[in-house]
Amino acid sequence: MASDEEPIYCICRLPYDETRFMIECDVCNDWFHGSCVGVQEHQAADIEIYHCPECTPRHGPLVLKHRRNWHRHDYSEDSSKKNSAVQTGTVVFIKELKARTFPSADEIPIKRLHGNQITPSYFEDEGFTVPILCEKKDGLGLTLPPSSFTVQDVEQLVGKENL
């Protein structure tokens, strides 16, 4: 191969394209377009060891990371679950968060209520569409700790092993 030629990759034998997601085989160290080998970009974070189609017969299928966050959606499952909420901390969540714009604090409407106004019937009638600032806690039926209460106080009350 002449030195001025671009290297080619993947089973499609095309040069590198920065707009396409690629994944490296952990055995042969070749790079593959996710779309050519059936791996979506959001799935890559869950892959511990990737074996390309050529290495899979000798080394077995890809190995997924041990799932510590079992409560999260499995994006590799049936696409009918696409209406599920995006899970915090996932690659999908981080991409959406980076692309999102947020209003300034002055633009956010806030409902100012007293504790005795915050009732189940209030939420049934009004819903909960804007943040509520409780100006007076009277009527909430809550006893709040003093402002000097700290995390260390919680530890002392419930025990370190229960945190």
N, C-alpha and C. Protein backbone atom coordinates (compact mmCIF):
# COMPACT_ATOMS: atom_id res chain seq x y z
N MET A 1 0.85 -1.17 0.00
CA MET A 1 0.00 0.00 0.00
C MET A 1 0.90 1.24 0.00
N ALA A 2 0.59 2.18 -0.84
CA ALA A 2 1.36 3.41 -0.90
C ALA A 2 1.08 4.25 0.33
N SER A 3 2.06 5.04 0.76
CA SER A 3 1.92 5.79 2.00
C SER A 3 0.88 6.90 1.92
N ASP A 4 0.50 7.34 0.70
CA ASP A 4 -0.49 8.41 0.58
C ASP A 4 -1.92 7.89 0.56
N GLU A 5 -2.12 6.57 0.58
CA GLU A 5 -3.46 6.00 0.61
C GLU A 5 -4.01 6.00 2.03
N GLU A 6 -5.33 6.24 2.13
CA GLU A 6 -5.97 6.20 3.44
C GLU A 6 -6.14 4.75 3.87
N PRO A 7 -5.92 4.47 5.16
CA PRO A 7 -6.17 3.09 5.62
C PRO A 7 -7.66 2.77 5.52
N ILE A 8 -7.95 1.52 5.30
CA ILE A 8 -9.35 1.09 5.23
C ILE A 8 -9.67 0.24 6.45
N TYR A 9 -10.93 0.25 6.83
CA TYR A 9 -11.38 -0.41 8.04
C TYR A 9 -12.64 -1.21 7.76
N CYS A 10 -13.02 -2.00 8.75
CA CYS A 10 -14.33 -2.62 8.80
C CYS A 10 -14.50 -3.70 7.74
N ILE A 11 -15.63 -4.37 7.81
CA ILE A 11 -15.97 -5.39 6.81
C ILE A 11 -16.38 -4.73 5.50
N CYS A 12 -16.73 -3.45 5.56
CA CYS A 12 -17.12 -2.71 4.35
C CYS A 12 -15.90 -2.19 3.59
N ARG A 13 -14.71 -2.25 4.23
CA ARG A 13 -13.43 -1.84 3.64
C ARG A 13 -13.45 -0.38 3.17
N LEU A 14 -13.96 0.50 4.03
CA LEU A 14 -13.98 1.93 3.75
C LEU A 14 -13.01 2.65 4.66
N PRO A 15 -12.55 3.84 4.26
CA PRO A 15 -11.67 4.62 5.13
C PRO A 15 -12.44 5.18 6.33
N TYR A 16 -11.70 5.68 7.28
CA TYR A 16 -12.29 6.26 8.49
C TYR A 16 -13.21 7.41 8.13
N ASP A 17 -14.36 7.46 8.81
CA ASP A 17 -15.33 8.54 8.63
C ASP A 17 -15.73 9.00 10.02
N GLU A 18 -15.33 10.20 10.39
CA GLU A 18 -15.55 10.69 11.75
C GLU A 18 -17.02 10.83 12.12
N THR A 19 -17.91 10.80 11.15
CA THR A 19 -19.35 10.95 11.45
C THR A 19 -20.01 9.62 11.80
N ARG A 20 -19.27 8.52 11.67
CA ARG A 20 -19.85 7.20 11.96
C ARG A 20 -19.20 6.60 13.19
N PHE A 21 -20.02 6.02 14.05
CA PHE A 21 -19.53 5.33 15.25
C PHE A 21 -18.74 4.09 14.84
N MET A 22 -17.59 3.89 15.51
CA MET A 22 -16.78 2.71 15.26
C MET A 22 -16.42 2.04 16.58
N ILE A 23 -16.16 0.72 16.50
CA ILE A 23 -15.79 -0.06 17.68
C ILE A 23 -14.58 -0.92 17.32
N GLU A 24 -13.65 -1.07 18.28
CA GLU A 24 -12.42 -1.84 18.04
C GLU A 24 -12.57 -3.26 18.57
N CYS A 25 -12.14 -4.22 17.79
CA CYS A 25 -12.13 -5.62 18.22
C CYS A 25 -10.99 -5.79 19.22
N ASP A 26 -11.27 -6.42 20.34
CA ASP A 26 -10.27 -6.61 21.39
C ASP A 26 -9.31 -7.76 21.09
N VAL A 27 -9.54 -8.49 20.01
CA VAL A 27 -8.63 -9.57 19.63
C VAL A 27 -7.70 -9.11 18.51
N CYS A 28 -8.28 -8.73 17.37
CA CYS A 28 -7.45 -8.38 16.21
C CYS A 28 -7.12 -6.88 16.14
N ASN A 29 -7.76 -6.08 16.98
CA ASN A 29 -7.54 -4.64 17.05
C ASN A 29 -7.92 -3.88 15.78
N ASP A 30 -8.73 -4.49 14.92
CA ASP A 30 -9.29 -3.79 13.77
C ASP A 30 -10.50 -2.98 14.22
N TRP A 31 -10.83 -1.97 13.45
CA TRP A 31 -11.97 -1.09 13.78
C TRP A 31 -13.12 -1.38 12.83
N PHE A 32 -14.35 -1.31 13.37
CA PHE A 32 -15.55 -1.63 12.61
C PHE A 32 -16.62 -0.57 12.84
N HIS A 33 -17.36 -0.24 11.78
CA HIS A 33 -18.50 0.66 11.92
C HIS A 33 -19.58 -0.10 12.69
N GLY A 34 -20.13 0.53 13.71
CA GLY A 34 -21.17 -0.12 14.50
C GLY A 34 -22.32 -0.59 13.62
N SER A 35 -22.69 0.22 12.63
CA SER A 35 -23.81 -0.15 11.76
C SER A 35 -23.50 -1.38 10.91
N CYS A 36 -22.23 -1.62 10.63
CA CYS A 36 -21.85 -2.80 9.83
C CYS A 36 -21.84 -4.08 10.66
N VAL A 37 -21.59 -3.97 11.97
CA VAL A 37 -21.48 -5.16 12.81
C VAL A 37 -22.63 -5.27 13.82
N GLY A 38 -23.63 -4.41 13.70
CA GLY A 38 -24.82 -4.52 14.54
C GLY A 38 -24.64 -4.04 15.97
N VAL A 39 -23.77 -3.06 16.18
CA VAL A 39 -23.58 -2.48 17.51
C VAL A 39 -23.93 -1.00 17.44
N GLN A 40 -24.89 -0.59 18.25
CA GLN A 40 -25.26 0.82 18.29
C GLN A 40 -24.37 1.55 19.29
N GLU A 41 -24.16 2.83 19.06
CA GLU A 41 -23.22 3.60 19.89
C GLU A 41 -23.58 3.55 21.37
N HIS A 42 -24.86 3.65 21.71
CA HIS A 42 -25.23 3.64 23.12
C HIS A 42 -24.99 2.29 23.79
N GLN A 43 -24.85 1.21 22.99
CA GLN A 43 -24.58 -0.10 23.55
C GLN A 43 -23.11 -0.28 23.90
N ALA A 44 -22.24 0.49 23.28
CA ALA A 44 -20.79 0.31 23.45
C ALA A 44 -20.37 0.47 24.91
N ALA A 45 -21.01 1.35 25.65
CA ALA A 45 -20.64 1.56 27.05
C ALA A 45 -20.89 0.31 27.89
N ASP A 46 -21.74 -0.59 27.42
CA ASP A 46 -22.06 -1.81 28.17
C ASP A 46 -21.19 -3.00 27.75
N ILE A 47 -20.32 -2.82 26.77
CA ILE A 47 -19.50 -3.92 26.26
C ILE A 47 -18.15 -3.94 26.97
N GLU A 48 -17.83 -5.06 27.58
CA GLU A 48 -16.54 -5.24 28.26
C GLU A 48 -15.47 -5.64 27.25
N ILE A 49 -15.78 -6.66 26.43
CA ILE A 49 -14.84 -7.16 25.42
C ILE A 49 -15.63 -7.35 24.13
N TYR A 50 -15.14 -6.70 23.06
CA TYR A 50 -15.82 -6.83 21.77
C TYR A 50 -15.02 -7.74 20.85
N HIS A 51 -15.70 -8.70 20.23
CA HIS A 51 -15.11 -9.58 19.23
C HIS A 51 -15.81 -9.31 17.91
N CYS A 52 -15.02 -9.03 16.87
CA CYS A 52 -15.58 -8.74 15.55
C CYS A 52 -16.15 -10.03 14.94
N PRO A 53 -16.86 -9.93 13.82
CA PRO A 53 -17.43 -11.13 13.20
C PRO A 53 -16.38 -12.19 12.85
N GLU A 54 -15.16 -11.78 12.49
CA GLU A 54 -14.13 -12.75 12.14
C GLU A 54 -13.55 -13.44 13.38
N CYS A 55 -13.45 -12.72 14.50
CA CYS A 55 -12.87 -13.29 15.73
C CYS A 55 -13.89 -14.04 16.58
N THR A 56 -15.17 -13.77 16.39
CA THR A 56 -16.21 -14.40 17.20
C THR A 56 -16.18 -15.93 17.14
N PRO A 57 -16.02 -16.56 15.97
CA PRO A 57 -16.00 -18.04 15.96
C PRO A 57 -14.90 -18.64 16.84
N ARG A 58 -13.74 -18.00 16.92
CA ARG A 58 -12.62 -18.53 17.71
C ARG A 58 -12.65 -18.08 19.16
N HIS A 59 -13.17 -16.89 19.43
CA HIS A 59 -13.08 -16.32 20.77
C HIS A 59 -14.45 -16.13 21.46
N GLY A 60 -15.50 -16.48 20.78
CA GLY A 60 -16.83 -16.35 21.37
C GLY A 60 -17.42 -14.97 21.14
N PRO A 61 -18.67 -14.80 21.52
CA PRO A 61 -19.35 -13.51 21.30
C PRO A 61 -18.80 -12.43 22.24
N LEU A 62 -19.22 -11.23 21.99
CA LEU A 62 -18.80 -10.12 22.86
C LEU A 62 -19.18 -10.40 24.30
N VAL A 63 -18.49 -9.76 25.22
CA VAL A 63 -18.76 -9.93 26.65
C VAL A 63 -19.27 -8.60 27.18
N LEU A 64 -20.43 -8.64 27.81
CA LEU A 64 -21.01 -7.43 28.39
C LEU A 64 -20.44 -7.18 29.77
N LYS A 65 -20.38 -5.92 30.15
CA LYS A 65 -19.96 -5.56 31.50
C LYS A 65 -20.99 -6.08 32.48
N HIS A 66 -20.53 -6.40 33.68
CA HIS A 66 -21.45 -6.80 34.74
C HIS A 66 -22.37 -5.63 35.01
N ARG A 67 -23.63 -5.86 34.97
CA ARG A 67 -24.61 -4.79 35.09
C ARG A 67 -24.83 -4.44 36.55
N ARG A 68 -24.25 -3.31 36.97
CA ARG A 68 -24.41 -2.86 38.35
C ARG A 68 -25.70 -2.08 38.53
N ASN A 69 -26.14 -1.43 37.48
CA ASN A 69 -27.35 -0.62 37.56
C ASN A 69 -28.51 -1.40 36.92
N TRP A 70 -28.88 -2.50 37.53
CA TRP A 70 -29.90 -3.39 36.98
C TRP A 70 -31.25 -2.70 36.84
N HIS A 71 -31.45 -1.59 37.53
CA HIS A 71 -32.73 -0.89 37.47
C HIS A 71 -32.86 -0.03 36.21
N ARG A 72 -31.79 0.13 35.46
CA ARG A 72 -31.83 0.98 34.27
C ARG A 72 -32.45 0.22 33.10
N HIS A 73 -32.91 0.97 32.12
CA HIS A 73 -33.46 0.37 30.91
C HIS A 73 -32.35 -0.37 30.17
N ASP A 74 -32.70 -1.44 29.52
CA ASP A 74 -31.76 -2.15 28.66
C ASP A 74 -32.05 -1.70 27.24
N TYR A 75 -31.23 -0.80 26.71
CA TYR A 75 -31.47 -0.25 25.39
C TYR A 75 -31.27 -1.26 24.28
N SER A 76 -30.72 -2.41 24.60
CA SER A 76 -30.55 -3.43 23.57
C SER A 76 -31.81 -4.29 23.44
N GLU A 77 -32.77 -4.08 24.32
CA GLU A 77 -34.00 -4.86 24.27
C GLU A 77 -34.93 -4.32 23.20
N ASP A 78 -36.08 -4.91 23.13
CA ASP A 78 -37.13 -4.60 22.18
C ASP A 78 -37.31 -3.09 22.02
N SER A 79 -37.35 -2.64 20.77
CA SER A 79 -37.48 -1.21 20.49
C SER A 79 -38.86 -0.67 20.83
N SER A 80 -39.82 -1.52 21.20
CA SER A 80 -41.15 -1.03 21.57
C SER A 80 -41.11 -0.27 22.89
N LYS A 81 -39.98 -0.35 23.62
CA LYS A 81 -39.84 0.35 24.90
C LYS A 81 -39.24 1.74 24.71
N LYS A 82 -39.23 2.26 23.51
CA LYS A 82 -38.58 3.54 23.24
C LYS A 82 -39.25 4.70 23.97
N ASN A 83 -40.46 4.51 24.47
CA ASN A 83 -41.15 5.57 25.20
C ASN A 83 -40.73 5.64 26.66
N SER A 84 -39.84 4.76 27.07
CA SER A 84 -39.35 4.77 28.44
C SER A 84 -38.53 6.03 28.68
N ALA A 85 -38.55 6.50 29.91
CA ALA A 85 -37.76 7.68 30.25
C ALA A 85 -36.28 7.38 30.07
N VAL A 86 -35.53 8.39 29.67
CA VAL A 86 -34.08 8.23 29.53
C VAL A 86 -33.49 8.14 30.94
N GLN A 87 -32.62 7.18 31.15
CA GLN A 87 -32.06 6.94 32.47
C GLN A 87 -30.87 7.85 32.75
N THR A 88 -30.85 8.44 33.93
CA THR A 88 -29.78 9.33 34.36
C THR A 88 -28.43 8.63 34.29
N GLY A 89 -27.44 9.32 33.75
CA GLY A 89 -26.08 8.81 33.72
C GLY A 89 -25.74 7.97 32.51
N THR A 90 -26.73 7.58 31.71
CA THR A 90 -26.44 6.77 30.53
C THR A 90 -25.85 7.65 29.44
N VAL A 91 -25.25 7.02 28.43
CA VAL A 91 -24.70 7.76 27.30
C VAL A 91 -25.80 8.57 26.62
N VAL A 92 -26.98 7.97 26.47
CA VAL A 92 -28.11 8.66 25.85
C VAL A 92 -28.48 9.89 26.66
N PHE A 93 -28.56 9.75 27.98
CA PHE A 93 -28.90 10.86 28.86
C PHE A 93 -27.89 11.99 28.72
N ILE A 94 -26.61 11.66 28.76
CA ILE A 94 -25.56 12.68 28.69
C ILE A 94 -25.61 13.42 27.37
N LYS A 95 -25.83 12.69 26.26
CA LYS A 95 -25.94 13.35 24.95
C LYS A 95 -27.13 14.31 24.93
N GLU A 96 -28.28 13.86 25.44
CA GLU A 96 -29.47 14.72 25.45
C GLU A 96 -29.26 15.92 26.36
N LEU A 97 -28.61 15.72 27.48
CA LEU A 97 -28.35 16.81 28.42
C LEU A 97 -27.43 17.86 27.79
N LYS A 98 -26.39 17.41 27.10
CA LYS A 98 -25.45 18.35 26.46
C LYS A 98 -26.13 19.15 25.35
N ALA A 99 -27.10 18.55 24.67
CA ALA A 99 -27.77 19.21 23.56
C ALA A 99 -28.90 20.13 24.02
N ARG A 100 -29.28 20.03 25.26
CA ARG A 100 -30.44 20.78 25.78
C ARG A 100 -30.04 22.19 26.21
N THR A 101 -30.96 23.11 26.04
CA THR A 101 -30.76 24.47 26.54
C THR A 101 -31.71 24.67 27.72
N PHE A 102 -31.29 25.47 28.67
CA PHE A 102 -32.08 25.69 29.87
C PHE A 102 -32.40 27.17 30.01
N PRO A 103 -33.60 27.48 30.50
CA PRO A 103 -33.94 28.89 30.73
C PRO A 103 -33.17 29.44 31.92
N SER A 104 -33.06 30.75 31.97
CA SER A 104 -32.43 31.37 33.14
C SER A 104 -33.38 31.27 34.32
N ALA A 105 -32.87 31.46 35.51
CA ALA A 105 -33.69 31.35 36.72
C ALA A 105 -34.84 32.35 36.70
N ASP A 106 -34.63 33.50 36.09
CA ASP A 106 -35.68 34.52 36.03
C ASP A 106 -36.86 34.10 35.15
N GLU A 107 -36.62 33.18 34.23
CA GLU A 107 -37.66 32.75 33.30
C GLU A 107 -38.50 31.59 33.85
N ILE A 108 -38.07 30.98 34.92
CA ILE A 108 -38.77 29.80 35.47
C ILE A 108 -39.89 30.27 36.40
N PRO A 109 -41.13 29.90 36.08
CA PRO A 109 -42.22 30.28 36.97
C PRO A 109 -42.17 29.47 38.28
N ILE A 110 -42.41 30.14 39.38
CA ILE A 110 -42.42 29.48 40.68
C ILE A 110 -43.74 29.82 41.36
N LYS A 111 -44.36 28.81 41.92
CA LYS A 111 -45.58 29.00 42.69
C LYS A 111 -45.19 29.16 44.15
N ARG A 112 -45.59 30.26 44.79
CA ARG A 112 -45.28 30.51 46.19
C ARG A 112 -46.54 30.20 47.01
N LEU A 113 -46.40 29.21 47.90
CA LEU A 113 -47.55 28.77 48.70
C LEU A 113 -47.13 28.65 50.16
N HIS A 114 -48.13 28.66 51.03
CA HIS A 114 -47.93 28.38 52.44
C HIS A 114 -48.21 26.90 52.65
N GLY A 115 -47.61 26.32 53.68
CA GLY A 115 -47.74 24.90 53.95
C GLY A 115 -49.18 24.42 53.99
N ASN A 116 -50.07 25.21 54.57
CA ASN A 116 -51.47 24.77 54.67
C ASN A 116 -52.18 24.76 53.32
N GLN A 117 -51.57 25.34 52.29
CA GLN A 117 -52.16 25.33 50.94
C GLN A 117 -51.72 24.12 50.13
N ILE A 118 -50.67 23.45 50.57
CA ILE A 118 -50.13 22.31 49.83
C ILE A 118 -50.81 21.05 50.34
N THR A 119 -51.85 20.67 49.66
CA THR A 119 -52.68 19.52 50.07
C THR A 119 -52.88 18.58 48.88
N PRO A 120 -53.33 17.37 49.15
CA PRO A 120 -53.63 16.47 48.03
C PRO A 120 -54.65 17.07 47.05
N SER A 121 -55.64 17.78 47.57
CA SER A 121 -56.64 18.37 46.67
C SER A 121 -56.03 19.48 45.81
N TYR A 122 -55.02 20.20 46.35
CA TYR A 122 -54.33 21.20 45.55
C TYR A 122 -53.71 20.54 44.32
N PHE A 123 -53.01 19.41 44.53
CA PHE A 123 -52.35 18.73 43.42
C PHE A 123 -53.36 18.12 42.46
N GLU A 124 -54.51 17.65 42.98
CA GLU A 124 -55.55 17.11 42.10
C GLU A 124 -56.11 18.21 41.21
N ASP A 125 -56.31 19.39 41.78
CA ASP A 125 -56.89 20.51 41.02
C ASP A 125 -55.87 21.20 40.12
N GLU A 126 -54.69 21.46 40.64
CA GLU A 126 -53.68 22.27 39.93
C GLU A 126 -52.60 21.46 39.22
N GLY A 127 -52.38 20.24 39.66
CA GLY A 127 -51.27 19.46 39.12
C GLY A 127 -49.96 19.93 39.74
N PHE A 128 -48.87 19.49 39.13
CA PHE A 128 -47.55 19.89 39.63
C PHE A 128 -46.68 20.18 38.43
N THR A 129 -46.90 21.32 37.81
CA THR A 129 -46.22 21.66 36.56
C THR A 129 -45.11 22.68 36.74
N VAL A 130 -45.09 23.36 37.90
CA VAL A 130 -44.03 24.33 38.18
C VAL A 130 -43.51 24.08 39.60
N PRO A 131 -42.27 24.49 39.86
CA PRO A 131 -41.74 24.32 41.22
C PRO A 131 -42.57 25.10 42.24
N ILE A 132 -42.66 24.55 43.44
CA ILE A 132 -43.39 25.20 44.52
C ILE A 132 -42.39 25.62 45.59
N LEU A 133 -42.46 26.88 45.97
CA LEU A 133 -41.65 27.38 47.07
C LEU A 133 -42.57 27.53 48.27
N CYS A 134 -42.32 26.72 49.29
CA CYS A 134 -43.14 26.75 50.50
C CYS A 134 -42.58 27.84 51.41
N GLU A 135 -43.30 28.98 51.48
CA GLU A 135 -42.80 30.13 52.23
C GLU A 135 -42.96 29.96 53.73
N LYS A 136 -44.00 29.25 54.17
CA LYS A 136 -44.19 28.98 55.59
C LYS A 136 -44.58 27.51 55.73
N LYS A 137 -43.85 26.79 56.61
CA LYS A 137 -44.09 25.35 56.74
C LYS A 137 -45.32 25.02 57.56
N ASP A 138 -45.90 25.99 58.23
CA ASP A 138 -47.10 25.74 59.05
C ASP A 138 -48.18 25.08 58.19
N GLY A 139 -48.73 24.00 58.71
CA GLY A 139 -49.80 23.30 58.00
C GLY A 139 -49.32 22.14 57.17
N LEU A 140 -48.02 21.96 57.01
CA LEU A 140 -47.51 20.84 56.23
C LEU A 140 -47.59 19.52 57.00
N GLY A 141 -47.62 19.62 58.32
CA GLY A 141 -47.63 18.41 59.12
C GLY A 141 -46.25 17.76 59.19
N LEU A 142 -45.22 18.57 59.01
CA LEU A 142 -43.85 18.07 59.06
C LEU A 142 -43.09 18.73 60.20
N THR A 143 -42.19 17.97 60.76
CA THR A 143 -41.26 18.55 61.72
C THR A 143 -39.89 18.51 61.06
N LEU A 144 -39.32 19.66 60.85
CA LEU A 144 -38.03 19.74 60.18
C LEU A 144 -36.91 19.86 61.20
N PRO A 145 -35.76 19.27 60.89
CA PRO A 145 -34.63 19.39 61.81
C PRO A 145 -34.10 20.83 61.78
N PRO A 146 -33.33 21.19 62.79
CA PRO A 146 -32.77 22.56 62.79
C PRO A 146 -31.79 22.74 61.62
N SER A 147 -31.54 23.96 61.22
CA SER A 147 -30.66 24.23 60.08
C SER A 147 -29.23 23.77 60.34
N SER A 148 -28.89 23.54 61.59
CA SER A 148 -27.55 23.06 61.92
C SER A 148 -27.41 21.54 61.76
N PHE A 149 -28.49 20.84 61.41
CA PHE A 149 -28.48 19.39 61.24
C PHE A 149 -27.61 19.01 60.05
N THR A 150 -26.71 18.02 60.22
CA THR A 150 -25.75 17.66 59.17
C THR A 150 -25.85 16.18 58.80
N VAL A 151 -25.10 15.79 57.79
CA VAL A 151 -25.03 14.40 57.38
C VAL A 151 -24.47 13.55 58.52
N GLN A 152 -23.53 14.10 59.26
CA GLN A 152 -22.97 13.37 60.39
C GLN A 152 -24.04 13.09 61.44
N ASP A 153 -24.99 14.01 61.61
CA ASP A 153 -26.10 13.77 62.55
C ASP A 153 -26.95 12.60 62.06
N VAL A 154 -27.19 12.51 60.76
CA VAL A 154 -27.96 11.39 60.19
C VAL A 154 -27.21 10.09 60.48
N GLU A 155 -25.90 10.10 60.24
CA GLU A 155 -25.08 8.91 60.49
C GLU A 155 -25.18 8.47 61.95
N GLN A 156 -25.15 9.44 62.83
CA GLN A 156 -25.21 9.13 64.26
C GLN A 156 -26.57 8.54 64.63
N LEU A 157 -27.65 9.03 64.00
CA LEU A 157 -28.99 8.56 64.33
C LEU A 157 -29.30 7.19 63.74
N VAL A 158 -28.91 6.96 62.48
CA VAL A 158 -29.29 5.71 61.83
C VAL A 158 -28.16 4.68 61.78
N GLY A 159 -26.95 5.11 62.03
CA GLY A 159 -25.82 4.18 61.99
C GLY A 159 -25.16 4.20 60.63
N LYS A 160 -23.85 4.16 60.62
CA LYS A 160 -23.07 4.24 59.39
C LYS A 160 -23.40 3.11 58.42
N GLU A 161 -23.65 1.91 58.95
CA GLU A 161 -23.91 0.76 58.09
C GLU A 161 -25.26 0.86 57.38
N ASN A 162 -26.14 1.74 57.79
CA ASN A 162 -27.45 1.88 57.16
C ASN A 162 -27.48 2.99 56.11
N LEU A 163 -26.37 3.67 55.90
CA LEU A 163 -26.35 4.75 54.90
C LEU A 163 -26.10 4.23 53.53
